[in-house]
Protein backbone atom coordinates (compact mmCIF):
# COMPACT_ATOMS: atom_id res chain seq x y z
CA MET A 1 -0.02 0.00 0.00
CA LYS A 2 1.24 3.39 -0.98
CA THR A 3 1.89 5.72 2.06
CA GLU A 4 1.27 9.36 1.88
CA ARG A 5 4.08 11.81 1.99
CA PRO A 6 4.70 13.50 5.40
CA ALA A 7 4.06 16.90 3.81
CA ALA A 8 0.75 15.65 2.40
CA THR A 9 -0.20 14.32 5.81
CA LEU A 10 0.59 17.65 7.51
CA ALA A 11 -1.31 19.55 4.85
CA ALA A 12 -4.31 17.35 5.35
CA ARG A 13 -4.22 17.98 9.13
CA VAL A 14 -3.80 21.76 8.67
CA HIS A 15 -6.71 21.74 6.20
CA LYS A 16 -8.94 19.88 8.59
CA TRP A 17 -8.36 22.34 11.47
CA ILE A 18 -8.52 25.41 9.33
CA VAL A 19 -11.94 24.25 8.04
CA ARG A 20 -13.10 23.59 11.63
CA VAL A 21 -11.94 26.95 12.95
CA LEU A 22 -13.51 28.89 10.07
CA LEU A 23 -16.74 27.10 10.36
CA VAL A 24 -16.95 27.83 14.12
CA ILE A 25 -16.18 31.52 13.51
CA MET A 26 -18.83 31.82 10.80
CA ALA A 27 -21.38 29.84 12.82
CA VAL A 28 -21.01 32.27 15.77
CA GLU A 29 -21.31 35.18 13.37
CA LEU A 30 -24.39 33.64 11.81
CA VAL A 31 -26.10 33.45 15.21
CA PHE A 32 -25.59 37.18 15.86
CA LEU A 33 -26.75 38.08 12.36
CA ILE A 34 -29.92 35.98 12.69
CA VAL A 35 -30.66 37.61 16.06
CA GLU A 36 -30.14 41.05 14.42
CA GLN A 37 -32.34 39.88 11.50
CA GLN A 38 -29.72 40.66 8.95
CA TRP A 39 -31.02 38.14 6.54
CA LEU A 40 -28.93 38.93 3.47
CA SER A 41 -25.70 38.67 5.41
CA SER A 42 -26.88 35.50 7.05
CA PHE A 43 -27.61 34.01 3.69
CA LEU A 44 -24.12 35.10 2.39
CA ILE A 45 -22.52 33.35 5.42
CA CYS A 46 -24.35 30.16 4.63
CA ILE A 47 -23.09 30.36 1.05
CA ILE A 48 -19.50 30.83 2.32
CA MET A 49 -19.87 27.89 4.73
CA ALA A 50 -21.08 25.74 1.78
CA ILE A 51 -18.10 26.79 -0.29
CA VAL A 52 -15.67 25.93 2.46
CA VAL A 53 -17.02 22.42 2.80
CA SER A 54 -17.66 21.89 -0.89
CA PRO A 55 -14.23 20.28 -1.72
CA GLU A 56 -15.00 17.39 0.70
CA VAL A 57 -18.50 16.98 -0.65
CA LEU A 58 -17.23 16.95 -4.25
CA ARG A 59 -14.55 14.47 -3.43
CA LYS A 60 -17.07 11.99 -2.02
CA ARG A 61 -19.78 12.73 -4.70
CA PHE A 62 -17.75 12.83 -7.83
CA LYS A 63 -14.52 11.05 -6.70
CA VAL A 64 -12.43 14.09 -7.56
CA THR A 65 -9.45 14.88 -5.18
CA ILE A 66 -8.00 18.45 -5.20
CA PRO A 67 -4.54 18.90 -3.75
CA THR A 68 -4.86 19.68 -0.05
CA GLU A 69 -2.46 22.65 -0.22
CA PHE A 70 -4.46 24.31 -2.93
CA GLN A 71 -7.68 23.66 -1.00
CA VAL A 72 -6.24 25.46 2.07
CA LEU A 73 -5.23 28.47 -0.05
CA ALA A 74 -8.58 28.64 -1.83
CA ILE A 75 -10.58 28.37 1.42
CA ILE A 76 -8.48 31.14 3.11
CA PHE A 77 -9.04 33.25 0.03
CA VAL A 78 -12.85 32.74 0.05
CA PHE A 79 -12.98 33.46 3.77
CA ALA A 80 -10.89 36.64 3.39
CA ALA A 81 -12.84 37.93 0.38
CA LEU A 82 -16.37 37.12 1.37
CA PHE A 83 -16.55 36.85 5.13
CA LEU A 84 -13.84 39.31 6.27
CA GLY A 85 -14.25 41.52 3.15
CA GLU A 86 -18.09 41.70 2.77
CA ILE A 87 -19.41 40.66 6.17
CA ARG A 88 -16.72 42.28 8.41
CA ASP A 89 -16.25 45.18 6.01
CA PHE A 90 -12.46 44.78 5.72
CA TYR A 91 -12.61 46.42 2.29
CA ALA A 92 -13.54 49.70 3.95
CA ARG A 93 -11.35 49.24 6.99
CA PHE A 94 -8.17 48.49 5.04
CA TRP A 95 -7.52 50.23 1.80
CA TRP A 96 -5.09 47.54 0.76
CA TRP A 97 -7.48 44.52 1.31
CA ASP A 98 -8.96 44.52 -2.11
CA ILE A 99 -5.58 44.91 -3.76
CA ALA A 100 -4.12 42.04 -1.77
CA LEU A 101 -7.06 39.72 -2.57
CA HIS A 102 -6.97 40.51 -6.32
CA THR A 103 -3.20 39.86 -6.45
CA SER A 104 -3.81 36.53 -4.60
CA SER A 105 -6.58 35.60 -7.09
CA GLY A 106 -4.13 36.15 -9.95
CA LEU A 107 -1.80 33.65 -8.26
CA LEU A 108 -4.43 31.05 -7.57
CA LEU A 109 -5.91 31.37 -11.07
CA GLY A 110 -2.49 31.06 -12.57
CA ILE A 111 -2.01 27.75 -10.76
CA VAL A 112 -5.39 26.60 -12.08
CA GLY A 113 -4.27 27.56 -15.60
CA PHE A 114 -1.18 25.32 -15.28
CA LEU A 115 -3.44 22.48 -14.05
CA LEU A 116 -5.79 22.91 -16.97
CA VAL A 117 -2.97 22.41 -19.51
CA TYR A 118 -2.36 19.02 -17.97
CA VAL A 119 -6.00 18.05 -17.67
CA LEU A 120 -6.74 19.14 -21.28
CA ASN A 121 -3.93 17.08 -22.61
CA GLU A 122 -4.89 14.16 -20.47
CA ASP A 123 -1.22 12.98 -20.07
CA ASP A 124 0.92 13.25 -17.07
CA ARG A 125 4.00 13.40 -19.39
CA VAL A 126 2.81 16.56 -21.08
CA ASP A 127 5.73 18.62 -19.67
CA LEU A 128 8.08 16.51 -21.74
CA TYR A 129 6.90 17.77 -25.07
CA MET A 130 4.88 20.99 -24.46
CA HIS A 131 7.02 24.17 -24.46
CA PRO A 132 7.34 25.79 -21.09
CA ARG A 133 6.63 29.24 -22.66
CA PHE A 134 3.31 28.04 -23.97
CA VAL A 135 2.25 26.58 -20.57
CA ALA A 136 3.22 29.78 -18.85
CA LEU A 137 1.44 31.91 -21.49
CA PHE A 138 -1.76 29.82 -21.18
CA ALA A 139 -1.74 30.00 -17.38
CA PHE A 140 -1.15 33.79 -17.56
CA LEU A 141 -3.86 34.47 -20.13
CA PHE A 142 -6.34 32.17 -18.29
CA ALA A 143 -5.93 33.95 -14.99
CA VAL A 144 -6.21 37.43 -16.63
CA ALA A 145 -9.36 36.41 -18.62
CA VAL A 146 -11.05 35.14 -15.49
CA GLY A 147 -10.05 38.20 -13.63
CA ALA A 148 -11.60 40.36 -16.42
CA LEU A 149 -14.88 38.19 -16.39
CA TRP A 150 -15.09 38.80 -12.64
CA GLU A 151 -14.97 42.56 -13.15
CA ILE A 152 -17.74 42.31 -15.67
CA PHE A 153 -19.71 40.27 -13.16
CA GLU A 154 -19.09 43.02 -10.45
CA PHE A 155 -20.19 45.71 -12.91
CA SER A 156 -23.33 43.79 -13.91
CA MET A 157 -24.33 43.23 -10.24
CA ASP A 158 -23.87 46.87 -9.34
CA GLN A 159 -25.96 48.01 -12.28
CA ILE A 160 -28.73 45.38 -12.17
CA VAL A 161 -29.02 44.47 -8.51
CA GLY A 162 -27.69 47.67 -6.93
CA THR A 163 -24.81 46.11 -5.00
CA ASN A 164 -21.53 47.88 -4.28
CA MET A 165 -19.05 45.26 -5.52
CA GLN A 166 -16.86 47.70 -7.47
CA LYS A 167 -16.13 49.69 -4.37
CA PRO A 168 -15.98 53.25 -5.93
CA MET A 169 -12.98 55.28 -4.73
CA LEU A 170 -12.92 58.78 -3.55
CA GLY A 171 -13.20 61.10 -6.53
CA ASP A 172 -14.33 58.28 -8.84
CA PRO A 173 -17.96 57.33 -8.13
CA SER A 174 -18.08 55.30 -11.31
CA GLY A 175 -15.78 52.61 -9.95
CA LEU A 176 -13.56 52.67 -13.01
CA THR A 177 -10.39 53.31 -11.01
CA ASP A 178 -11.11 50.38 -8.71
CA THR A 179 -11.81 48.12 -11.71
CA MET A 180 -8.57 49.15 -13.44
CA TRP A 181 -6.43 48.53 -10.28
CA ASP A 182 -8.15 45.13 -9.80
CA ILE A 183 -7.30 44.11 -13.34
CA ILE A 184 -3.72 45.41 -13.01
CA VAL A 185 -3.03 43.54 -9.75
CA ASP A 186 -4.67 40.43 -11.15
CA THR A 187 -2.40 40.63 -14.06
CA LEU A 188 0.71 41.15 -11.80
CA GLY A 189 -0.21 38.12 -9.80
CA ALA A 190 -0.84 36.00 -12.89
CA PHE A 191 2.55 37.22 -14.31
CA ALA A 192 4.40 36.33 -11.25
CA ILE A 193 3.09 32.74 -10.84
CA SER A 194 3.44 32.12 -14.64
CA THR A 195 6.98 33.34 -14.58
CA LEU A 196 7.82 31.23 -11.64
CA GLY A 197 6.30 28.14 -13.30
CA TRP A 198 8.09 28.86 -16.57
CA TRP A 199 11.39 29.27 -14.80
CA TYR A 200 11.17 26.00 -12.97
CA MET A 201 10.08 24.08 -16.13
CA LYS A 202 12.95 25.72 -18.25
CA GLN A 203 15.47 24.67 -15.49
CA GLY A 204 14.00 21.15 -15.52
CA LYS A 205 13.03 21.42 -11.87
CA ARG A 206 9.80 20.54 -10.14
CA SER A 207 8.08 23.54 -8.58
CA PHE A 208 5.41 23.43 -5.99
CA ILE A 209 2.91 24.02 -8.84
CA GLU A 210 4.01 20.89 -10.61
CA ASN A 211 4.07 18.95 -7.40
CA TRP A 212 0.37 19.89 -6.90
CA ILE A 213 -0.40 18.99 -10.45
CA HIS A 214 1.21 15.54 -10.18
CA THR A 215 -0.64 15.09 -6.90
CA PHE A 216 -3.89 15.81 -8.72
CA ILE A 217 -2.99 13.33 -11.54
CA GLU A 218 -2.12 10.65 -9.09
CA LYS A 219 -5.30 11.08 -7.06
CA ASN A 220 -7.56 11.33 -10.17
CA PRO A 221 -6.32 8.58 -12.55
CA GLN A 222 -9.75 8.52 -14.20
CA PHE A 223 -8.86 11.79 -16.01
CA PHE A 224 -5.57 10.50 -17.19
CA PRO A 225 -5.88 7.16 -18.89
CA TYR A 226 -2.39 7.18 -20.49
């Protein structure tokens, strides 16, 4: 029987405790919101809690295993963006909160872009014949494209539903400045992770990105028949 790497075991324990702690924090907040009859915020917290536990549900339902390290980063990002950002109003408290999160999203989406190259090729040896520059370019463009689509979603929600997702800045009530800065930092984050991935592939070394990808391949052989 194949034993798990110590790093993977540690990541699994960290993931488990992070999920538990975040769920407890949100459950306590949910009680206060219900008492105060803040139904919209209560509904949003329920959505966030569902997102936090969704990887485990998806794993059992569809037999798809996502690398634990990536799950930890994604869960922390969702918690920081939706719970701390929207519910606890960190976007207004800290001017840099939105910038930090959009930079992080560029990094995470860049990693997903690398993963998609492997999944679309359905071959765990794809890095042997696919040029590193193409893989990095695909990851970069994927992250920037998703970031741009998210900005379109924010604009649509503000115009149709009347939300305040664009977070208009002082002197710019239209939200254009916020949107442009979001796209810029998304692009910088995507560029950073793509450059890092390209450099490791060019040097013939395994980066943490490739380690996560190969973990995904090993845990989900149904997607990679070769």
